[in-house]
Amino acid sequence: MSLLPLGKALAFAAVGERRCLGVRRAGRWLVCPYGAVLDGAGVKDQCPRCAQLDRSRSVAADTMADDPRPYGVYLAYFGPGLVKVGITAAERGAARLVEQGAVAYAWLGRGPLMAARRAEAVLGSALGVPDRFAKEAKRAARGALPPVAERAAALAELHGAARELAGWPESLEPVEFACADHSELFGLARVPAGGVVELGGLTAGAEVVGEVVAGAGADVYLRLRSADAGGEGGEGGEGGESGEGGAAGAGGPVAVLDARMLSGWVLEAARGRVTTVAVRRVPEAGGAGGGEQEGLF
C-alpha cells in the first residue's frame, strides 16, 4: 500500500459485492476460482480456501523453512508497554515495519531464516516479548505517545537485554542499536489524543468522504465531512478522489479506517457529501493483548 498524502481529500463508494482476491503467486494475484463473497466488516481479503492455499507456502505459517534469503530480527515499538519482536526478509528493509504501523523500531540481528526464528522464540520465552499486538491496542496507544527520547530508551533497554540472553543463534549477526522513528512519516502529531472514532465495515453503496489526517500501517485517519460543511464532495475525483485541499473534511470528527477492509471492493467516486459508514469510539489506551498476524513477511 502506498502512503496517502496528508491533506488529500477522498470521496469513494463501495459497489456491488466484496470478492475474494484469490491467491498471490509469483508477485501477482490469481483469481479466486470459487468467486467467494467476503464479509464487509472483516480485514481478510481471501476466502478460507484461498487463504489455506496461500499458507501452504508461507514464512508466516512456517511452511517455507527452506527460504534461502537472509532475514532481519527487529524490535518494534507501538506505544508504552507495546514492544514486539518480529522478523522480515532483509531485502524488504523497513517496509514491514511501516506496514505494521510501528511508531519506532530497532534491528537486533540478521541471518538465515531459522536462526531469525530461533532468536524470536528466545526473546518470547526468556523476556516475554510478544510477536504481535491487537489492532485495538495499537490504535489506543497512538493517542498517548511519550516523547521520541522515551520511545528510543525503551527500545534500547530491551535491545541490550536481548543481546545478553543465552541461546542467541551463532549464525545470526548482531546489529548495533539504532532507533528509527516513524511518527513524522505517519503524521501522528495530527492524531487527536481523544475523540477518534472508528469506521465500521463497508456495505454496498456505503460512502466515505473526508480528508487524510494521518496514516499508520493499514490505518488511515480521516477528518470526516460534517453534514453542514460547505462544498461539493465526491463530484470530480477520478478513482474516488475528490481533489486536493481541506474542504472535504471540514468540521467533522477524525475517524480511523482499516484500509484492508477496502480490498475486494470495487470503488467509485462518492455521489454524496457525507460518510454513510457506521462509526464507534476508539477505546482509550490501557490494554496490550494479542492479535492476528498482519500480512506476510
C-alpha atoms as a PDB file:
ATOM      1  CA  MET A   1       0.000   0.000   0.000  1.00  0.00           C
ATOM      2  CA  SER A   2       1.386   3.425  -0.909  1.00  0.00           C
ATOM      3  CA  LEU A   3       1.269   6.335   1.512  1.00  0.00           C
ATOM      4  CA  LEU A   4      -1.605   8.775   1.030  1.00  0.00           C
ATOM      5  CA  PRO A   5      -0.535  12.438   1.042  1.00  0.00           C
ATOM      6  CA  LEU A   6      -1.603  14.263   4.198  1.00  0.00           C
ATOM      7  CA  GLY A   7      -4.388  16.700   3.369  1.00  0.00           C
ATOM      8  CA  LYS A   8      -5.600  14.589   0.447  1.00  0.00           C
ATOM      9  CA  ALA A   9      -9.374  14.723   0.060  1.00  0.00           C
ATOM     10  CA  LEU A  10     -11.019  11.330  -0.520  1.00  0.00           C
ATOM     11  CA  ALA A  11     -14.584  10.555  -1.529  1.00  0.00           C
ATOM     12  CA  PHE A  12     -15.418   6.995  -2.567  1.00  0.00           C
ATOM     13  CA  ALA A  13     -18.261   4.496  -2.512  1.00  0.00           C
ATOM     14  CA  ALA A  14     -18.309   0.681  -2.385  1.00  0.00           C
ATOM     15  CA  VAL A  15     -20.007  -1.000  -5.328  1.00  0.00           C
ATOM     16  CA  GLY A  16     -21.534  -4.459  -5.718  1.00  0.00           C
ATOM     17  CA  GLU A  17     -20.135  -7.264  -3.569  1.00  0.00           C
ATOM     18  CA  ARG A  18     -16.804  -7.694  -1.833  1.00  0.00           C
ATOM     19  CA  ARG A  19     -14.978 -10.544  -3.554  1.00  0.00           C
ATOM     20  CA  CYS A  20     -12.039 -12.749  -2.542  1.00  0.00           C
ATOM     21  CA  LEU A  21      -8.785 -11.606  -4.148  1.00  0.00           C
ATOM     22  CA  GLY A  22      -7.650 -15.161  -4.792  1.00  0.00           C
ATOM     23  CA  VAL A  23      -4.092 -16.427  -4.284  1.00  0.00           C
ATOM     24  CA  ARG A  24      -0.844 -14.490  -4.640  1.00  0.00           C
ATOM     25  CA  ARG A  25       1.803 -16.316  -6.637  1.00  0.00           C
ATOM     26  CA  ALA A  26       4.966 -15.025  -8.334  1.00  0.00           C
ATOM     27  CA  GLY A  27       4.147 -11.452  -7.345  1.00  0.00           C
ATOM     28  CA  ARG A  28       0.622 -11.362  -8.753  1.00  0.00           C
ATOM     29  CA  TRP A  29      -2.900 -12.323  -7.730  1.00  0.00           C
ATOM     30  CA  LEU A  30      -4.616 -15.343  -9.303  1.00  0.00           C
ATOM     31  CA  VAL A  31      -8.390 -15.005  -9.417  1.00  0.00           C
ATOM     32  CA  CYS A  32     -10.342 -16.888  -6.756  1.00  0.00           C
ATOM     33  CA  PRO A  33     -11.768 -19.975  -8.501  1.00  0.00           C
ATOM     34  CA  TYR A  34     -14.755 -20.027  -6.135  1.00  0.00           C
ATOM     35  CA  GLY A  35     -15.928 -16.455  -6.739  1.00  0.00           C
ATOM     36  CA  ALA A  36     -16.301 -16.170  -2.960  1.00  0.00           C
ATOM     37  CA  VAL A  37     -18.089 -13.190  -1.400  1.00  0.00           C
ATOM     38  CA  LEU A  38     -16.405 -11.735   1.705  1.00  0.00           C
ATOM     39  CA  ASP A  39     -17.722 -10.105   4.863  1.00  0.00           C
ATOM     40  CA  GLY A  40     -17.588  -6.326   4.500  1.00  0.00           C
ATOM     41  CA  ALA A  41     -16.607  -5.879   8.161  1.00  0.00           C
ATOM     42  CA  GLY A  42     -13.554  -8.177   8.054  1.00  0.00           C
ATOM     43  CA  VAL A  43      -9.948  -7.356   7.226  1.00  0.00           C
ATOM     44  CA  LYS A  44      -9.269 -10.647   5.426  1.00  0.00           C
ATOM     45  CA  ASP A  45      -9.188 -10.295   1.644  1.00  0.00           C
ATOM     46  CA  GLN A  46      -9.263 -14.040   0.942  1.00  0.00           C
ATOM     47  CA  CYS A  47     -11.850 -16.764   1.398  1.00  0.00           C
ATOM     48  CA  PRO A  48     -10.839 -19.641   3.743  1.00  0.00           C
ATOM     49  CA  ARG A  49      -9.859 -21.978   0.891  1.00  0.00           C
ATOM     50  CA  CYS A  50      -7.630 -19.423  -0.865  1.00  0.00           C
ATOM     51  CA  ALA A  51      -6.084 -18.420   2.466  1.00  0.00           C
ATOM     52  CA  GLN A  52      -5.311 -22.072   3.223  1.00  0.00           C
ATOM     53  CA  LEU A  53      -3.610 -22.470  -0.155  1.00  0.00           C
ATOM     54  CA  ASP A  54      -1.600 -19.287   0.402  1.00  0.00           C
ATOM     55  CA  ARG A  55      -0.348 -20.514   3.766  1.00  0.00           C
ATOM     56  CA  SER A  56       0.834 -23.794   2.247  1.00  0.00           C
ATOM     57  CA  ARG A  57       3.915 -21.857   1.123  1.00  0.00           C
ATOM     58  CA  SER A  58       4.346 -19.118   3.708  1.00  0.00           C
ATOM     59  CA  VAL A  59       7.028 -17.871   6.082  1.00  0.00           C
ATOM     60  CA  ALA A  60       4.328 -16.658   8.459  1.00  0.00           C
ATOM     61  CA  ALA A  61       2.861 -20.165   8.666  1.00  0.00           C
ATOM     62  CA  ASP A  62       6.301 -21.816   8.999  1.00  0.00           C
ATOM     63  CA  THR A  63       5.743 -23.739   5.755  1.00  0.00           C
ATOM     64  CA  MET A  64       8.703 -22.176   3.939  1.00  0.00           C
ATOM     65  CA  ALA A  65      11.650 -23.222   6.123  1.00  0.00           C
ATOM     66  CA  ASP A  66      13.880 -23.647   3.034  1.00  0.00           C
ATOM     67  CA  ASP A  67      13.752 -19.945   2.138  1.00  0.00           C
ATOM     68  CA  PRO A  68      17.416 -19.080   1.354  1.00  0.00           C
ATOM     69  CA  ARG A  69      17.041 -15.315   1.809  1.00  0.00           C
ATOM     70  CA  PRO A  70      18.640 -13.565   4.805  1.00  0.00           C
ATOM     71  CA  TYR A  71      16.238 -12.285   7.442  1.00  0.00           C
ATOM     72  CA  GLY A  72      16.327  -9.448   9.931  1.00  0.00           C
ATOM     73  CA  VAL A  73      15.120  -9.651  13.537  1.00  0.00           C
ATOM     74  CA  TYR A  74      13.630  -6.413  14.854  1.00  0.00           C
ATOM     75  CA  LEU A  75      12.054  -4.822  17.913  1.00  0.00           C
ATOM     76  CA  ALA A  76       9.008  -2.690  17.074  1.00  0.00           C
ATOM     77  CA  TYR A  77       7.528  -0.032  19.368  1.00  0.00           C
ATOM     78  CA  PHE A  78       3.817   0.819  19.176  1.00  0.00           C
ATOM     79  CA  GLY A  79       3.313   2.592  22.497  1.00  0.00           C
ATOM     80  CA  PRO A  80       4.079   2.358  26.226  1.00  0.00           C
ATOM     81  CA  GLY A  81       4.310  -1.341  27.095  1.00  0.00           C
ATOM     82  CA  LEU A  82       3.780  -2.310  23.462  1.00  0.00           C
ATOM     83  CA  VAL A  83       7.115  -3.567  22.120  1.00  0.00           C
ATOM     84  CA  LYS A  84       7.183  -6.723  19.991  1.00  0.00           C
ATOM     85  CA  VAL A  85       9.769  -8.865  18.270  1.00  0.00           C
ATOM     86  CA  GLY A  86       9.468  -9.908  14.653  1.00  0.00           C
ATOM     87  CA  ILE A  87      11.328 -10.990  11.545  1.00  0.00           C
ATOM     88  CA  THR A  88      11.285  -9.826   7.951  1.00  0.00           C
ATOM     89  CA  ALA A  89      13.208 -10.597   4.785  1.00  0.00           C
ATOM     90  CA  ALA A  90      16.327  -8.391   4.810  1.00  0.00           C
ATOM     91  CA  GLU A  91      15.671  -7.325   1.211  1.00  0.00           C
ATOM     92  CA  ARG A  92      12.460  -5.596   2.332  1.00  0.00           C
ATOM     93  CA  GLY A  93      14.278  -3.225   4.663  1.00  0.00           C
ATOM     94  CA  ALA A  94      11.885  -1.245   6.862  1.00  0.00           C
ATOM     95  CA  ALA A  95       8.825  -1.884   4.665  1.00  0.00           C
ATOM     96  CA  ARG A  96       7.481  -4.483   7.108  1.00  0.00           C
ATOM     97  CA  LEU A  97       7.714  -2.000   9.990  1.00  0.00           C
ATOM     98  CA  VAL A  98       5.828   0.649   8.010  1.00  0.00           C
ATOM     99  CA  GLU A  99       3.125  -1.889   7.075  1.00  0.00           C
ATOM    100  CA  GLN A 100       2.587  -2.770  10.741  1.00  0.00           C
ATOM    101  CA  GLY A 101       2.368   0.852  11.815  1.00  0.00           C
ATOM    102  CA  ALA A 102       5.428   0.603  14.093  1.00  0.00           C
ATOM    103  CA  VAL A 103       5.971   4.019  15.685  1.00  0.00           C
ATOM    104  CA  ALA A 104       9.679   3.212  16.183  1.00  0.00           C
ATOM    105  CA  TYR A 105      11.950   0.205  15.684  1.00  0.00           C
ATOM    106  CA  ALA A 106      15.470  -1.151  16.017  1.00  0.00           C
ATOM    107  CA  TRP A 107      17.235  -4.096  14.352  1.00  0.00           C
ATOM    108  CA  LEU A 108      18.591  -6.883  16.537  1.00  0.00           C
ATOM    109  CA  GLY A 109      20.337  -9.160  14.053  1.00  0.00           C
ATOM    110  CA  ARG A 110      20.468 -10.579  10.526  1.00  0.00           C
ATOM    111  CA  GLY A 111      20.967 -14.105   9.271  1.00  0.00           C
ATOM    112  CA  PRO A 112      19.280 -17.294   7.990  1.00  0.00           C
ATOM    113  CA  LEU A 113      15.531 -17.708   8.404  1.00  0.00           C
ATOM    114  CA  MET A 114      15.638 -20.453  11.023  1.00  0.00           C
ATOM    115  CA  ALA A 115      18.226 -18.546  13.086  1.00  0.00           C
ATOM    116  CA  ALA A 116      15.954 -15.495  12.989  1.00  0.00           C
ATOM    117  CA  ARG A 117      13.031 -17.660  14.083  1.00  0.00           C
ATOM    118  CA  ARG A 118      15.144 -19.043  16.926  1.00  0.00           C
ATOM    119  CA  ALA A 119      16.034 -15.547  18.160  1.00  0.00           C
ATOM    120  CA  GLU A 120      12.364 -14.549  18.011  1.00  0.00           C
ATOM    121  CA  ALA A 121      11.450 -17.592  20.129  1.00  0.00           C
ATOM    122  CA  VAL A 122      14.244 -16.906  22.650  1.00  0.00           C
ATOM    123  CA  LEU A 123      13.004 -13.362  23.259  1.00  0.00           C
ATOM    124  CA  GLY A 124       9.477 -14.639  23.684  1.00  0.00           C
ATOM    125  CA  SER A 125      10.349 -17.320  26.219  1.00  0.00           C
ATOM    126  CA  ALA A 126      13.123 -15.548  28.164  1.00  0.00           C
ATOM    127  CA  LEU A 127      11.883 -11.957  28.201  1.00  0.00           C
ATOM    128  CA  GLY A 128       8.182 -12.397  27.489  1.00  0.00           C
ATOM    129  CA  VAL A 129       8.357 -10.239  24.364  1.00  0.00           C
ATOM    130  CA  PRO A 130       5.276 -10.955  22.207  1.00  0.00           C
ATOM    131  CA  ASP A 131       5.309 -11.256  18.425  1.00  0.00           C
ATOM    132  CA  ARG A 132       2.078  -9.350  17.828  1.00  0.00           C
ATOM    133  CA  PHE A 133      -0.419  -6.904  19.308  1.00  0.00           C
ATOM    134  CA  ALA A 134      -4.093  -6.397  18.613  1.00  0.00           C
ATOM    135  CA  LYS A 135      -5.076  -3.602  16.256  1.00  0.00           C
ATOM    136  CA  GLU A 136      -7.166  -2.030  19.018  1.00  0.00           C
ATOM    137  CA  ALA A 137      -4.150  -1.761  21.347  1.00  0.00           C
ATOM    138  CA  LYS A 138      -2.047  -0.074  18.664  1.00  0.00           C
ATOM    139  CA  ARG A 139      -4.775   2.435  17.875  1.00  0.00           C
ATOM    140  CA  ALA A 140      -5.358   3.328  21.508  1.00  0.00           C
ATOM    141  CA  ALA A 141      -1.628   3.845  22.123  1.00  0.00           C
ATOM    142  CA  ARG A 142      -1.198   6.348  19.264  1.00  0.00           C
ATOM    143  CA  GLY A 143      -3.236   8.930  21.129  1.00  0.00           C
ATOM    144  CA  ALA A 144      -0.930   8.879  24.173  1.00  0.00           C
ATOM    145  CA  LEU A 145       2.629   8.501  22.881  1.00  0.00           C
ATOM    146  CA  PRO A 146       5.579   9.615  25.048  1.00  0.00           C
ATOM    147  CA  PRO A 147       8.385  11.782  23.566  1.00  0.00           C
ATOM    148  CA  VAL A 148      10.749  10.307  20.976  1.00  0.00           C
ATOM    149  CA  ALA A 149      13.568  10.051  23.519  1.00  0.00           C
ATOM    150  CA  GLU A 150      11.452   7.856  25.806  1.00  0.00           C
ATOM    151  CA  ARG A 151      10.486   5.603  22.932  1.00  0.00           C
ATOM    152  CA  ALA A 152      14.125   5.186  21.942  1.00  0.00           C
ATOM    153  CA  ALA A 153      15.096   4.480  25.566  1.00  0.00           C
ATOM    154  CA  ALA A 154      12.501   1.712  25.843  1.00  0.00           C
ATOM    155  CA  LEU A 155      13.853   0.056  22.703  1.00  0.00           C
ATOM    156  CA  ALA A 156      17.469   0.492  23.815  1.00  0.00           C
ATOM    157  CA  GLU A 157      16.785  -1.193  27.162  1.00  0.00           C
ATOM    158  CA  LEU A 158      15.147  -4.203  25.546  1.00  0.00           C
ATOM    159  CA  HIS A 159      17.779  -4.373  22.810  1.00  0.00           C
ATOM    160  CA  GLY A 160      20.512  -4.593  25.444  1.00  0.00           C
ATOM    161  CA  ALA A 161      18.667  -7.251  27.436  1.00  0.00           C
ATOM    162  CA  ALA A 162      18.085  -9.313  24.283  1.00  0.00           C
ATOM    163  CA  ARG A 163      21.753  -9.292  23.301  1.00  0.00           C
ATOM    164  CA  GLU A 164      22.761 -10.617  26.747  1.00  0.00           C
ATOM    165  CA  LEU A 165      20.495 -13.660  26.534  1.00  0.00           C
ATOM    166  CA  ALA A 166      21.922 -17.157  26.405  1.00  0.00           C
ATOM    167  CA  GLY A 167      20.863 -19.165  23.371  1.00  0.00           C
ATOM    168  CA  TRP A 168      21.390 -16.411  20.802  1.00  0.00           C
ATOM    169  CA  PRO A 169      21.921 -18.210  17.460  1.00  0.00           C
ATOM    170  CA  GLU A 170      25.574 -18.164  16.377  1.00  0.00           C
ATOM    171  CA  SER A 171      24.658 -17.721  12.713  1.00  0.00           C
ATOM    172  CA  LEU A 172      22.677 -14.550  13.462  1.00  0.00           C
ATOM    173  CA  GLU A 173      24.881 -11.489  13.037  1.00  0.00           C
ATOM    174  CA  PRO A 174      24.123  -8.942  15.794  1.00  0.00           C
ATOM    175  CA  VAL A 175      23.269  -5.346  14.839  1.00  0.00           C
ATOM    176  CA  GLU A 176      24.301  -2.382  16.977  1.00  0.00           C
ATOM    177  CA  PHE A 177      21.417  -0.413  18.469  1.00  0.00           C
ATOM    178  CA  ALA A 178      19.992   2.380  16.337  1.00  0.00           C
ATOM    179  CA  CYS A 179      16.443   3.659  16.731  1.00  0.00           C
ATOM    180  CA  ALA A 180      14.357   4.763  13.744  1.00  0.00           C
ATOM    181  CA  ASP A 181      11.123   6.672  14.356  1.00  0.00           C
ATOM    182  CA  HIS A 182       8.098   6.823  12.043  1.00  0.00           C
ATOM    183  CA  SER A 183       5.951   9.358  13.873  1.00  0.00           C
ATOM    184  CA  GLU A 184       6.718  12.147  11.383  1.00  0.00           C
ATOM    185  CA  LEU A 185       6.297   9.833   8.384  1.00  0.00           C
ATOM    186  CA  PHE A 186       2.875   8.738   9.681  1.00  0.00           C
ATOM    187  CA  GLY A 187       1.789  12.234  10.713  1.00  0.00           C
ATOM    188  CA  LEU A 188       0.932  11.027  14.225  1.00  0.00           C
ATOM    189  CA  ALA A 189       1.138  14.532  15.703  1.00  0.00           C
ATOM    190  CA  ARG A 190      -2.122  15.209  13.854  1.00  0.00           C
ATOM    191  CA  VAL A 191      -3.990  12.326  15.531  1.00  0.00           C
ATOM    192  CA  PRO A 192      -6.140  13.744  18.376  1.00  0.00           C
ATOM    193  CA  ALA A 193      -5.365  12.463  21.874  1.00  0.00           C
ATOM    194  CA  GLY A 194      -9.038  11.648  22.351  1.00  0.00           C
ATOM    195  CA  GLY A 195     -12.300  11.636  20.450  1.00  0.00           C
ATOM    196  CA  VAL A 196     -11.177   9.494  17.495  1.00  0.00           C
ATOM    197  CA  VAL A 197     -13.917   7.291  16.063  1.00  0.00           C
ATOM    198  CA  GLU A 198     -13.590   4.062  14.090  1.00  0.00           C
ATOM    199  CA  LEU A 199     -15.245   3.409  10.738  1.00  0.00           C
ATOM    200  CA  GLY A 200     -17.025   0.072  10.538  1.00  0.00           C
ATOM    201  CA  GLY A 201     -17.232  -2.315   7.614  1.00  0.00           C
ATOM    202  CA  LEU A 202     -18.446  -1.265   4.201  1.00  0.00           C
ATOM    203  CA  THR A 203     -21.683  -2.366   2.608  1.00  0.00           C
ATOM    204  CA  ALA A 204     -22.813  -1.939  -0.987  1.00  0.00           C
ATOM    205  CA  GLY A 205     -23.428   1.737  -1.615  1.00  0.00           C
ATOM    206  CA  ALA A 206     -21.654   2.917   1.545  1.00  0.00           C
ATOM    207  CA  GLU A 207     -19.667   6.126   1.090  1.00  0.00           C
ATOM    208  CA  VAL A 208     -16.617   7.607   2.824  1.00  0.00           C
ATOM    209  CA  VAL A 209     -15.907  11.341   2.451  1.00  0.00           C
ATOM    210  CA  GLY A 210     -13.060  13.051   4.271  1.00  0.00           C
ATOM    211  CA  GLU A 211      -9.538  14.429   4.310  1.00  0.00           C
ATOM    212  CA  VAL A 212      -6.422  12.418   5.166  1.00  0.00           C
ATOM    213  CA  VAL A 213      -5.046  13.495   8.551  1.00  0.00           C
ATOM    214  CA  ALA A 214      -2.509  10.715   9.191  1.00  0.00           C
ATOM    215  CA  GLY A 215      -1.724   7.112   8.303  1.00  0.00           C
ATOM    216  CA  ALA A 216      -0.067   4.298  10.257  1.00  0.00           C
ATOM    217  CA  GLY A 217       0.200   0.865   8.671  1.00  0.00           C
ATOM    218  CA  ALA A 218      -3.196  -0.059   7.266  1.00  0.00           C
ATOM    219  CA  ASP A 219      -4.927   2.607   9.404  1.00  0.00           C
ATOM    220  CA  VAL A 220      -5.904   5.803   7.599  1.00  0.00           C
ATOM    221  CA  TYR A 221      -7.087   8.734   9.737  1.00  0.00           C
ATOM    222  CA  LEU A 222      -9.659  10.950   8.045  1.00  0.00           C
ATOM    223  CA  ARG A 223     -11.296  14.212   9.060  1.00  0.00           C
ATOM    224  CA  LEU A 224     -14.867  13.392   8.097  1.00  0.00           C
ATOM    225  CA  ARG A 225     -17.090  15.932   6.422  1.00  0.00           C
ATOM    226  CA  SER A 226     -19.857  17.073   8.701  1.00  0.00           C
ATOM    227  CA  ALA A 227     -23.421  17.201   7.421  1.00  0.00           C
ATOM    228  CA  ASP A 228     -23.442  21.017   7.364  1.00  0.00           C
ATOM    229  CA  ALA A 229     -19.978  21.536   5.803  1.00  0.00           C
ATOM    230  CA  GLY A 230     -19.869  23.573   2.629  1.00  0.00           C
ATOM    231  CA  GLY A 231     -18.615  22.489  -0.783  1.00  0.00           C
ATOM    232  CA  GLU A 232     -19.484  19.704  -3.138  1.00  0.00           C
ATOM    233  CA  GLY A 233     -17.803  16.472  -2.021  1.00  0.00           C
ATOM    234  CA  GLY A 234     -17.292  13.459  -4.204  1.00  0.00           C
ATOM    235  CA  GLU A 235     -18.113  15.073  -7.552  1.00  0.00           C
ATOM    236  CA  GLY A 236     -14.891  15.352  -9.511  1.00  0.00           C
ATOM    237  CA  GLY A 237     -12.358  12.792  -8.328  1.00  0.00           C
ATOM    238  CA  GLU A 238     -11.208  10.022 -10.580  1.00  0.00           C
ATOM    239  CA  GLY A 239     -10.913   6.731  -8.673  1.00  0.00           C
ATOM    240  CA  GLY A 240     -12.935   8.087  -5.743  1.00  0.00           C
ATOM    241  CA  GLU A 241     -10.758  11.144  -5.015  1.00  0.00           C
ATOM    242  CA  SER A 242     -12.465  14.496  -4.687  1.00  0.00           C
ATOM    243  CA  GLY A 243      -9.329  16.532  -5.296  1.00  0.00           C
ATOM    244  CA  GLU A 244      -6.717  18.369  -3.214  1.00  0.00           C
ATOM    245  CA  GLY A 245      -7.352  20.678  -0.309  1.00  0.00           C
ATOM    246  CA  GLY A 246      -9.095  20.750   3.042  1.00  0.00           C
ATOM    247  CA  ALA A 247     -12.755  21.308   2.134  1.00  0.00           C
ATOM    248  CA  ALA A 248     -13.767  17.656   2.063  1.00  0.00           C
ATOM    249  CA  GLY A 249     -13.064  17.086   5.743  1.00  0.00           C
ATOM    250  CA  ALA A 250     -14.166  20.403   7.199  1.00  0.00           C
ATOM    251  CA  GLY A 251     -15.953  20.385  10.520  1.00  0.00           C
ATOM    252  CA  GLY A 252     -16.273  16.678  11.239  1.00  0.00           C
ATOM    253  CA  PRO A 253     -14.617  14.235  13.649  1.00  0.00           C
ATOM    254  CA  VAL A 254     -11.393  12.326  12.983  1.00  0.00           C
ATOM    255  CA  ALA A 255     -12.108   8.700  12.108  1.00  0.00           C
ATOM    256  CA  VAL A 256      -9.747   5.783  11.550  1.00  0.00           C
ATOM    257  CA  LEU A 257     -10.331   3.346   8.697  1.00  0.00           C
ATOM    258  CA  ASP A 258      -8.570  -0.012   8.353  1.00  0.00           C
ATOM    259  CA  ALA A 259      -7.741   0.137   4.647  1.00  0.00           C
ATOM    260  CA  ARG A 260      -7.575  -3.659   4.497  1.00  0.00           C
ATOM    261  CA  MET A 261     -11.378  -3.618   4.575  1.00  0.00           C
ATOM    262  CA  LEU A 262     -11.327  -1.967   1.140  1.00  0.00           C
ATOM    263  CA  SER A 263      -9.659  -4.983  -0.517  1.00  0.00           C
ATOM    264  CA  GLY A 264     -12.091  -6.894  -2.705  1.00  0.00           C
ATOM    265  CA  TRP A 265     -14.497  -3.998  -3.241  1.00  0.00           C
ATOM    266  CA  VAL A 266     -14.941  -2.080  -6.469  1.00  0.00           C
ATOM    267  CA  LEU A 267     -14.641   1.603  -5.503  1.00  0.00           C
ATOM    268  CA  GLU A 268     -16.088   4.529  -7.404  1.00  0.00           C
ATOM    269  CA  ALA A 269     -16.416   8.259  -6.748  1.00  0.00           C
ATOM    270  CA  ALA A 270     -18.885   9.095  -3.965  1.00  0.00           C
ATOM    271  CA  ARG A 271     -22.119  10.735  -5.009  1.00  0.00           C
ATOM    272  CA  GLY A 272     -22.992  12.233  -1.640  1.00  0.00           C
ATOM    273  CA  ARG A 273     -21.312  14.758   0.647  1.00  0.00           C
ATOM    274  CA  VAL A 274     -21.049  12.824   3.925  1.00  0.00           C
ATOM    275  CA  THR A 275     -19.757   9.485   5.195  1.00  0.00           C
ATOM    276  CA  THR A 276     -22.523   6.889   5.491  1.00  0.00           C
ATOM    277  CA  VAL A 277     -20.482   4.145   7.219  1.00  0.00           C
ATOM    278  CA  ALA A 278     -21.283   3.445  10.874  1.00  0.00           C
ATOM    279  CA  VAL A 279     -18.729   4.697  13.437  1.00  0.00           C
ATOM    280  CA  ARG A 280     -17.813   3.846  17.023  1.00  0.00           C
ATOM    281  CA  ARG A 281     -15.457   5.329  19.596  1.00  0.00           C
ATOM    282  CA  VAL A 282     -11.850   4.063  19.646  1.00  0.00           C
ATOM    283  CA  PRO A 283     -11.058   2.639  23.138  1.00  0.00           C
ATOM    284  CA  GLU A 284      -8.606   4.524  25.359  1.00  0.00           C
ATOM    285  CA  ALA A 285      -5.052   3.236  25.855  1.00  0.00           C
ATOM    286  CA  GLY A 286      -4.632   0.595  28.507  1.00  0.00           C
ATOM    287  CA  GLY A 287      -4.557  -2.904  27.018  1.00  0.00           C
ATOM    288  CA  ALA A 288      -1.918  -4.775  25.045  1.00  0.00           C
ATOM    289  CA  GLY A 289      -3.476  -8.070  24.096  1.00  0.00           C
ATOM    290  CA  GLY A 290      -2.575 -10.442  21.342  1.00  0.00           C
ATOM    291  CA  GLY A 291      -3.714 -10.147  17.808  1.00  0.00           C
ATOM    292  CA  GLU A 292      -3.817 -11.687  14.410  1.00  0.00           C
ATOM    293  CA  GLN A 293      -0.652 -11.588  12.314  1.00  0.00           C
ATOM    294  CA  GLU A 294      -0.962  -8.716   9.840  1.00  0.00           C
ATOM    295  CA  GLY A 295       0.196  -9.808   6.410  1.00  0.00           C
ATOM    296  CA  LEU A 296       3.226 -11.853   5.444  1.00  0.00           C
ATOM    297  CA  PHE A 297       6.945 -11.237   5.523  1.00  0.00           C
END
